[in-house]
């Protein structure tokens, strides 16, 4: 079973200061934690992919009707209280294992080494429907 773990950062959800306000050593510890978790999952054969995402200041929304030029706008806007910071895709035996991994990621260290309790959105990756079965 494949799952995507979406890592959202924001003060509202985790009660943790934004990363730009962290001490350099806290940022380093957080990054080392992420690398160690990825290595652990790789060694277990469970990690499919993991990536950090560029900040919202360079994000774009694209809408198209399929005929004319697409409409491209900036976003999310600076007043947004959260951002999608990255994701992991894991291939595991059960949803229980995916929840265990999400819990590990949620407990990543933040300022002073305290777990940031970041919400991890866990979604099963579904295959496309078989057109012959429709």
C-alpha atoms as a PDB file:
ATOM      1  CA  UNK A   1       0.000   0.000   0.000  1.00  0.00           C
ATOM      2  CA  UNK A   2       1.366   3.385  -0.941  1.00  0.00           C
ATOM      3  CA  UNK A   3       0.731   6.486   1.127  1.00  0.00           C
ATOM      4  CA  UNK A   4       1.662  10.135   0.781  1.00  0.00           C
ATOM      5  CA  UNK A   5       2.568  11.990   3.945  1.00  0.00           C
ATOM      6  CA  UNK A   6       2.094  15.728   3.444  1.00  0.00           C
ATOM      7  CA  UNK A   7       4.116  17.873   5.805  1.00  0.00           C
ATOM      8  CA  UNK A   8       2.409  21.146   6.620  1.00  0.00           C
ATOM      9  CA  UNK A   9       4.225  23.754   8.660  1.00  0.00           C
ATOM     10  CA  UNK A  10       2.462  26.500  10.480  1.00  0.00           C
ATOM     11  CA  UNK A  11       2.227  28.043  13.921  1.00  0.00           C
ATOM     12  CA  UNK A  12      -1.524  27.508  14.082  1.00  0.00           C
ATOM     13  CA  UNK A  13      -1.298  23.713  13.861  1.00  0.00           C
ATOM     14  CA  UNK A  14       1.888  22.945  15.771  1.00  0.00           C
ATOM     15  CA  UNK A  15       2.222  25.941  18.108  1.00  0.00           C
ATOM     16  CA  UNK A  16       5.828  26.142  16.938  1.00  0.00           C
ATOM     17  CA  UNK A  17       7.537  29.295  15.736  1.00  0.00           C
ATOM     18  CA  UNK A  18       8.227  29.483  11.980  1.00  0.00           C
ATOM     19  CA  UNK A  19      11.575  27.959  11.014  1.00  0.00           C
ATOM     20  CA  UNK A  20      13.141  31.310  10.012  1.00  0.00           C
ATOM     21  CA  UNK A  21      12.885  32.239  13.710  1.00  0.00           C
ATOM     22  CA  UNK A  22      14.738  29.113  14.908  1.00  0.00           C
ATOM     23  CA  UNK A  23      18.365  29.063  16.051  1.00  0.00           C
ATOM     24  CA  UNK A  24      20.750  27.608  13.439  1.00  0.00           C
ATOM     25  CA  UNK A  25      21.514  24.586  15.616  1.00  0.00           C
ATOM     26  CA  UNK A  26      17.786  23.802  15.910  1.00  0.00           C
ATOM     27  CA  UNK A  27      17.388  23.964  12.126  1.00  0.00           C
ATOM     28  CA  UNK A  28      20.401  21.665  11.732  1.00  0.00           C
ATOM     29  CA  UNK A  29      18.978  19.148  14.230  1.00  0.00           C
ATOM     30  CA  UNK A  30      15.641  19.197  12.405  1.00  0.00           C
ATOM     31  CA  UNK A  31      17.267  18.574   9.020  1.00  0.00           C
ATOM     32  CA  UNK A  32      19.439  15.786  10.435  1.00  0.00           C
ATOM     33  CA  UNK A  33      16.298  14.167  11.867  1.00  0.00           C
ATOM     34  CA  UNK A  34      14.607  14.274   8.455  1.00  0.00           C
ATOM     35  CA  UNK A  35      17.659  12.726   6.767  1.00  0.00           C
ATOM     36  CA  UNK A  36      17.885  10.003   9.435  1.00  0.00           C
ATOM     37  CA  UNK A  37      14.190   9.148   9.055  1.00  0.00           C
ATOM     38  CA  UNK A  38      14.575   8.951   5.271  1.00  0.00           C
ATOM     39  CA  UNK A  39      17.631   6.683   5.645  1.00  0.00           C
ATOM     40  CA  UNK A  40      15.763   4.416   8.082  1.00  0.00           C
ATOM     41  CA  UNK A  41      12.813   4.117   5.693  1.00  0.00           C
ATOM     42  CA  UNK A  42      15.149   3.517   2.735  1.00  0.00           C
ATOM     43  CA  UNK A  43      16.936   0.723   4.613  1.00  0.00           C
ATOM     44  CA  UNK A  44      13.546  -0.866   5.388  1.00  0.00           C
ATOM     45  CA  UNK A  45      12.579  -0.644   1.705  1.00  0.00           C
ATOM     46  CA  UNK A  46       9.609   1.591   2.536  1.00  0.00           C
ATOM     47  CA  UNK A  47      10.649   4.988   1.157  1.00  0.00           C
ATOM     48  CA  UNK A  48       9.552   5.706  -2.407  1.00  0.00           C
ATOM     49  CA  UNK A  49      10.343   9.441  -2.457  1.00  0.00           C
ATOM     50  CA  UNK A  50      10.756  12.388  -0.105  1.00  0.00           C
ATOM     51  CA  UNK A  51      11.228  16.005  -1.089  1.00  0.00           C
ATOM     52  CA  UNK A  52      11.102  19.439   0.425  1.00  0.00           C
ATOM     53  CA  UNK A  53       9.169  22.041  -1.533  1.00  0.00           C
ATOM     54  CA  UNK A  54      10.058  25.622  -2.440  1.00  0.00           C
ATOM     55  CA  UNK A  55       8.456  28.296  -0.295  1.00  0.00           C
ATOM     56  CA  UNK A  56       5.054  29.810  -0.981  1.00  0.00           C
ATOM     57  CA  UNK A  57       6.658  33.020  -2.225  1.00  0.00           C
ATOM     58  CA  UNK A  58       7.455  31.250  -5.512  1.00  0.00           C
ATOM     59  CA  UNK A  59       4.317  29.093  -5.750  1.00  0.00           C
ATOM     60  CA  UNK A  60       1.944  29.505  -8.682  1.00  0.00           C
ATOM     61  CA  UNK A  61      -1.688  28.554  -9.207  1.00  0.00           C
ATOM     62  CA  UNK A  62      -2.544  27.580 -12.784  1.00  0.00           C
ATOM     63  CA  UNK A  63      -6.095  27.369 -14.163  1.00  0.00           C
ATOM     64  CA  UNK A  64      -7.001  26.511 -17.743  1.00  0.00           C
ATOM     65  CA  UNK A  65     -10.120  25.831 -19.792  1.00  0.00           C
ATOM     66  CA  UNK A  66      -7.998  23.857 -22.256  1.00  0.00           C
ATOM     67  CA  UNK A  67      -8.572  26.370 -25.042  1.00  0.00           C
ATOM     68  CA  UNK A  68      -7.010  29.710 -24.188  1.00  0.00           C
ATOM     69  CA  UNK A  69      -3.835  30.683 -22.391  1.00  0.00           C
ATOM     70  CA  UNK A  70      -3.722  29.474 -18.789  1.00  0.00           C
ATOM     71  CA  UNK A  71      -4.334  31.926 -15.980  1.00  0.00           C
ATOM     72  CA  UNK A  72      -1.303  31.968 -13.668  1.00  0.00           C
ATOM     73  CA  UNK A  73      -1.435  33.671 -10.273  1.00  0.00           C
ATOM     74  CA  UNK A  74       0.886  33.835  -7.295  1.00  0.00           C
ATOM     75  CA  UNK A  75       0.016  32.118  -4.078  1.00  0.00           C
ATOM     76  CA  UNK A  76      -0.520  31.176  -1.387  1.00  0.00           C
ATOM     77  CA  UNK A  77      -0.497  34.686  -0.077  1.00  0.00           C
ATOM     78  CA  UNK A  78       1.743  35.963   2.732  1.00  0.00           C
ATOM     79  CA  UNK A  79      -1.141  36.094   5.186  1.00  0.00           C
ATOM     80  CA  UNK A  80      -1.440  32.308   4.916  1.00  0.00           C
ATOM     81  CA  UNK A  81      -0.718  30.704   8.288  1.00  0.00           C
ATOM     82  CA  UNK A  82       0.595  27.427   6.929  1.00  0.00           C
ATOM     83  CA  UNK A  83       2.536  26.037   4.021  1.00  0.00           C
ATOM     84  CA  UNK A  84       3.087  22.677   2.424  1.00  0.00           C
ATOM     85  CA  UNK A  85       6.772  22.178   3.127  1.00  0.00           C
ATOM     86  CA  UNK A  86       7.356  18.712   1.764  1.00  0.00           C
ATOM     87  CA  UNK A  87       6.150  15.173   1.347  1.00  0.00           C
ATOM     88  CA  UNK A  88       7.120  11.536   1.686  1.00  0.00           C
ATOM     89  CA  UNK A  89       5.742   8.644  -0.297  1.00  0.00           C
ATOM     90  CA  UNK A  90       6.012   5.309   1.457  1.00  0.00           C
ATOM     91  CA  UNK A  91       5.160   1.785   0.364  1.00  0.00           C
ATOM     92  CA  UNK A  92       4.150  -0.191   3.443  1.00  0.00           C
ATOM     93  CA  UNK A  93       2.182  -3.306   4.419  1.00  0.00           C
ATOM     94  CA  UNK A  94      -0.617  -1.510   6.268  1.00  0.00           C
ATOM     95  CA  UNK A  95      -2.153   1.799   7.217  1.00  0.00           C
ATOM     96  CA  UNK A  96      -0.958   1.139  10.770  1.00  0.00           C
ATOM     97  CA  UNK A  97       2.653   1.262   9.562  1.00  0.00           C
ATOM     98  CA  UNK A  98       1.951   4.467   7.610  1.00  0.00           C
ATOM     99  CA  UNK A  99       0.521   5.998  10.792  1.00  0.00           C
ATOM    100  CA  UNK A 100       3.673   4.987  12.704  1.00  0.00           C
ATOM    101  CA  UNK A 101       5.828   6.770  10.118  1.00  0.00           C
ATOM    102  CA  UNK A 102       3.573   9.855  10.174  1.00  0.00           C
ATOM    103  CA  UNK A 103       3.875   9.936  13.972  1.00  0.00           C
ATOM    104  CA  UNK A 104       7.673   9.812  13.712  1.00  0.00           C
ATOM    105  CA  UNK A 105       7.645  12.701  11.238  1.00  0.00           C
ATOM    106  CA  UNK A 106       5.263  14.707  13.441  1.00  0.00           C
ATOM    107  CA  UNK A 107       7.672  14.435  16.353  1.00  0.00           C
ATOM    108  CA  UNK A 108      10.589  16.025  14.468  1.00  0.00           C
ATOM    109  CA  UNK A 109      12.646  18.275  16.744  1.00  0.00           C
ATOM    110  CA  UNK A 110      12.082  22.004  16.736  1.00  0.00           C
ATOM    111  CA  UNK A 111      13.399  24.837  18.910  1.00  0.00           C
ATOM    112  CA  UNK A 112      15.220  23.478  21.942  1.00  0.00           C
ATOM    113  CA  UNK A 113      14.825  19.921  20.627  1.00  0.00           C
ATOM    114  CA  UNK A 114      11.122  19.861  21.538  1.00  0.00           C
ATOM    115  CA  UNK A 115       8.899  17.843  19.181  1.00  0.00           C
ATOM    116  CA  UNK A 116       7.111  20.246  16.843  1.00  0.00           C
ATOM    117  CA  UNK A 117       3.956  18.104  16.737  1.00  0.00           C
ATOM    118  CA  UNK A 118       3.451  19.108  13.126  1.00  0.00           C
ATOM    119  CA  UNK A 119       0.284  17.720  11.567  1.00  0.00           C
ATOM    120  CA  UNK A 120       1.039  15.144   8.894  1.00  0.00           C
ATOM    121  CA  UNK A 121      -1.727  14.589   6.359  1.00  0.00           C
ATOM    122  CA  UNK A 122      -1.767  10.906   5.462  1.00  0.00           C
ATOM    123  CA  UNK A 123      -3.437   9.862   2.209  1.00  0.00           C
ATOM    124  CA  UNK A 124      -3.450   6.532   0.446  1.00  0.00           C
ATOM    125  CA  UNK A 125      -2.307   6.727  -3.161  1.00  0.00           C
ATOM    126  CA  UNK A 126      -4.988   5.240  -5.356  1.00  0.00           C
ATOM    127  CA  UNK A 127      -4.513   3.890  -8.847  1.00  0.00           C
ATOM    128  CA  UNK A 128      -6.528   5.184 -11.757  1.00  0.00           C
ATOM    129  CA  UNK A 129      -9.840   3.393 -12.274  1.00  0.00           C
ATOM    130  CA  UNK A 130      -9.837   0.669 -14.887  1.00  0.00           C
ATOM    131  CA  UNK A 131     -11.905   2.049 -17.825  1.00  0.00           C
ATOM    132  CA  UNK A 132     -13.117  -1.477 -18.627  1.00  0.00           C
ATOM    133  CA  UNK A 133     -14.761  -1.678 -15.199  1.00  0.00           C
ATOM    134  CA  UNK A 134     -16.666   1.583 -15.580  1.00  0.00           C
END
